[in-house]
Protein backbone atom coordinates (compact mmCIF):
# COMPACT_ATOMS: atom_id res chain seq x y z
CA MET A 1 104.39 107.76 102.68
CA PHE A 2 102.96 109.01 99.39
CA ILE A 3 102.95 106.29 96.70
CA THR A 4 101.89 106.79 93.08
CA PHE A 5 101.26 104.53 90.10
CA GLU A 6 102.09 105.68 86.58
CA GLY A 7 102.12 104.23 83.08
CA ILE A 8 100.26 104.19 79.80
CA ASP A 9 96.53 103.56 79.47
CA GLY A 10 95.60 99.93 80.08
CA SER A 11 98.84 99.06 81.89
CA GLY A 12 97.04 97.85 85.02
CA LYS A 13 97.74 100.83 87.30
CA SER A 14 94.30 100.91 88.89
CA THR A 15 94.31 97.17 89.58
CA GLN A 16 97.79 97.26 91.09
CA ALA A 17 97.09 100.36 93.19
CA LEU A 18 94.07 98.54 94.67
CA ARG A 19 96.08 95.36 95.23
CA LEU A 20 98.82 97.28 97.05
CA ALA A 21 96.25 99.08 99.23
CA GLU A 22 94.70 95.72 100.17
CA HIS A 23 98.12 94.25 100.95
CA LEU A 24 99.17 97.14 103.17
CA ARG A 25 95.83 97.13 105.01
CA SER A 26 96.22 93.40 105.63
CA VAL A 27 99.44 94.09 107.55
CA GLY A 28 97.84 96.83 109.63
CA ARG A 29 98.66 99.97 107.66
CA ASP A 30 96.17 102.86 107.43
CA VAL A 31 95.81 103.50 103.68
CA VAL A 32 93.98 106.09 101.58
CA LEU A 33 93.50 104.96 97.97
CA THR A 34 92.77 107.75 95.51
CA ARG A 35 93.16 108.70 91.85
CA GLU A 36 93.88 111.48 89.39
CA PRO A 37 92.37 113.35 87.83
CA GLY A 38 89.89 113.27 90.68
CA GLY A 39 90.12 112.10 94.25
CA SER A 40 88.13 115.00 95.70
CA PRO A 41 84.63 116.23 94.74
CA GLY A 42 85.90 119.29 92.89
CA ALA A 43 88.63 117.34 91.12
CA GLU A 44 86.13 114.67 90.05
CA GLU A 45 84.09 117.38 88.31
CA ILE A 46 87.20 118.44 86.39
CA ARG A 47 87.89 114.75 85.59
CA ARG A 48 84.69 114.59 83.56
CA LEU A 49 85.73 117.67 81.61
CA VAL A 50 89.15 116.34 80.61
CA LEU A 51 88.52 112.61 80.08
CA GLU A 52 85.28 112.69 78.12
CA GLY A 53 84.47 114.06 74.68
CA ASP A 54 86.38 114.72 71.48
CA PRO A 55 90.20 114.44 71.54
CA ASP A 56 90.42 118.03 70.26
CA ARG A 57 88.12 119.38 72.97
CA TRP A 58 91.00 121.11 74.78
CA SER A 59 94.44 122.33 73.82
CA ALA A 60 97.38 120.86 75.73
CA GLU A 61 97.88 124.25 77.43
CA THR A 62 94.29 124.32 78.67
CA GLU A 63 94.59 120.72 79.87
CA ILE A 64 97.68 121.62 81.91
CA LEU A 65 95.68 124.27 83.75
CA LEU A 66 92.69 121.98 84.29
CA PHE A 67 94.80 119.08 85.58
CA THR A 68 96.77 121.40 87.87
CA ALA A 69 93.53 122.85 89.29
CA ALA A 70 92.23 119.32 89.95
CA ARG A 71 95.55 118.30 91.52
CA ARG A 72 95.64 121.34 93.80
CA ASP A 73 92.15 120.56 95.14
CA HIS A 74 93.07 116.89 95.55
CA LEU A 75 96.26 117.83 97.41
CA GLU A 76 94.51 120.25 99.77
CA ARG A 77 91.49 118.12 100.58
CA VAL A 78 92.76 114.52 100.48
CA ILE A 79 96.51 113.94 100.13
CA GLU A 80 98.02 116.41 102.60
CA PRO A 81 95.44 115.83 105.39
CA ALA A 82 95.92 112.06 105.13
CA LEU A 83 99.72 112.29 105.19
CA ALA A 84 99.54 114.70 108.14
CA ALA A 85 97.45 112.10 109.97
CA GLY A 86 100.17 109.49 109.45
CA LYS A 87 98.39 107.53 106.73
CA ILE A 88 99.82 106.01 103.55
CA VAL A 89 98.38 107.63 100.43
CA ILE A 90 98.29 105.60 97.19
CA SER A 91 97.29 107.52 94.07
CA ASP A 92 96.49 106.11 90.64
CA ARG A 93 98.40 108.80 88.66
CA PHE A 94 99.82 112.13 89.85
CA ALA A 95 102.02 114.86 88.34
CA ASP A 96 104.11 112.48 86.23
CA SER A 97 101.07 111.83 84.04
CA THR A 98 100.74 115.54 83.32
CA ARG A 99 104.46 115.72 82.57
CA MET A 100 103.90 113.01 79.97
CA TYR A 101 100.43 113.47 78.49
CA GLN A 102 100.36 117.28 78.37
CA GLY A 103 104.11 117.91 78.48
CA LEU A 104 104.96 115.69 75.51
CA SER A 105 101.81 114.77 73.60
CA ARG A 106 101.19 117.84 71.43
CA GLY A 107 104.34 119.88 71.67
CA ASP A 108 107.24 120.40 74.02
CA LEU A 109 105.41 121.77 77.08
CA ARG A 110 107.30 119.89 79.80
CA ALA A 111 108.93 123.10 81.11
CA VAL A 112 105.50 124.71 81.47
CA VAL A 113 104.20 121.69 83.39
CA ASP A 114 107.20 121.74 85.73
CA LYS A 115 106.93 125.50 86.41
CA LEU A 116 103.24 125.25 87.22
CA HIS A 117 103.86 122.17 89.37
CA ALA A 118 106.55 124.00 91.38
CA LEU A 119 104.28 127.00 91.82
CA MET A 120 101.00 125.30 92.71
CA ILE A 121 101.76 121.74 93.90
CA GLY A 122 105.34 121.61 95.21
CA ARG A 123 105.26 117.95 96.21
CA GLU A 124 106.63 114.78 94.64
CA PRO A 125 105.71 111.22 95.67
CA ASP A 126 108.00 109.26 97.97
CA LEU A 127 107.69 106.17 95.78
CA THR A 128 106.43 105.82 92.19
CA PHE A 129 105.67 102.54 90.45
CA VAL A 130 105.93 102.85 86.67
CA ILE A 131 104.00 99.92 85.21
CA ASP A 132 105.66 99.16 81.87
CA MET A 133 103.36 97.60 79.30
CA ASP A 134 103.43 96.93 75.56
CA PRO A 135 101.58 99.99 74.17
CA ASP A 136 99.44 98.06 71.69
CA THR A 137 98.36 95.58 74.39
CA GLY A 138 97.63 98.41 76.80
CA LEU A 139 95.55 100.34 74.27
CA ALA A 140 93.54 97.23 73.37
CA ARG A 141 92.88 96.63 77.07
CA ALA A 142 91.85 100.24 77.63
CA LYS A 143 89.50 100.32 74.62
CA SER A 144 87.90 97.01 75.63
CA ARG A 145 86.50 98.67 78.75
CA ASN A 146 83.97 100.51 76.54
CA GLY A 147 83.71 103.37 79.02
CA THR A 148 83.04 107.06 78.49
CA GLU A 149 86.50 108.19 79.68
CA GLU A 150 88.38 107.36 76.48
CA ARG A 151 89.45 110.78 75.23
CA PHE A 152 93.17 110.03 75.54
CA GLU A 153 92.82 106.50 74.18
CA ASP A 154 91.17 108.06 71.11
CA PHE A 155 94.46 109.80 70.26
CA GLY A 156 95.58 106.33 69.12
CA ALA A 157 98.56 103.98 69.32
CA ASP A 158 101.18 106.55 68.35
CA LEU A 159 100.55 108.53 71.53
CA GLN A 160 100.73 105.38 73.65
CA HIS A 161 104.11 104.44 72.16
CA ARG A 162 105.48 107.93 72.86
CA MET A 163 104.06 107.87 76.38
CA ARG A 164 105.71 104.53 77.12
CA GLU A 165 109.09 105.92 76.07
CA GLY A 166 108.40 109.04 78.11
CA PHE A 167 107.53 107.14 81.30
CA LEU A 168 110.69 105.04 81.04
CA ALA A 169 112.75 108.21 80.56
CA LEU A 170 111.00 109.72 83.59
CA ALA A 171 112.02 106.72 85.71
CA THR A 172 115.63 107.39 84.70
CA GLU A 173 115.20 111.09 85.51
CA PHE A 174 113.87 110.37 89.02
CA PRO A 175 115.71 107.17 90.06
CA GLY A 176 115.35 107.91 93.76
CA ARG A 177 111.60 107.37 93.77
CA CYS A 178 110.75 105.48 90.55
CA ARG A 179 110.62 101.71 90.22
CA VAL A 180 109.85 100.22 86.80
CA ILE A 181 107.65 97.12 87.02
CA ASP A 182 107.06 94.77 84.07
CA GLY A 183 103.30 94.82 83.60
CA ASN A 184 103.26 92.23 80.81
CA ARG A 185 103.13 89.40 83.39
CA PRO A 186 100.18 87.90 85.32
CA PRO A 187 98.60 90.41 87.76
CA ASP A 188 99.44 88.26 90.81
CA THR A 189 103.14 88.25 89.89
CA VAL A 190 103.14 92.01 89.33
CA ALA A 191 101.34 92.58 92.64
CA ALA A 192 103.84 90.43 94.55
CA ASP A 193 106.78 92.41 93.14
CA ILE A 194 105.14 95.72 94.02
CA ALA A 195 104.27 94.58 97.55
CA ALA A 196 107.88 93.52 98.15
CA VAL A 197 109.23 96.91 97.04
CA ALA A 198 106.67 98.80 99.13
CA ASP A 199 107.30 96.67 102.23
CA LYS A 200 111.03 97.34 101.97
CA ALA A 201 110.47 101.08 101.52
CA LEU A 202 108.17 101.21 104.54
CA ALA A 203 110.38 99.10 106.79
């Protein structure tokens, strides 16, 4: 099974992806935990290009190509081999993030994202957890990390509000695989809800 976590910056995706991986391993599942952009050596190099530096460093069109290149390498070298070996793959972000951040952020490029995805990736997750979080809270959390990968956070609160609306609309668009989880609660409560959904899906 291929499981992804999506949501705005600071919504707790990385924490919850790790918690789910730990839970599934504790019940005997073989799990690969990965992330996007990144997850493979080549994709991690592209990650540094797209997540660091000035917000205006790349156009949305260029970002779509960079993220798709990273995703293709990640798919070839990590995701597909692990799934073929019967493992569960959990990824912190996947194509839905490109549909939102590049498809909606600076123009209506969603159709371009979807065409390139169909051409070069051709796979959707089996199960997607959309962690829903108050955008202002999420942005404050993300900025408090004081890391170097803050290019998208530097676009400001307006982008985060639009991304939240976009992720919720995406969950409606793909109801078969998307589950919206309230991320405004304590992490243990969120993790328990996610584990219950995943256990049911894997049963």
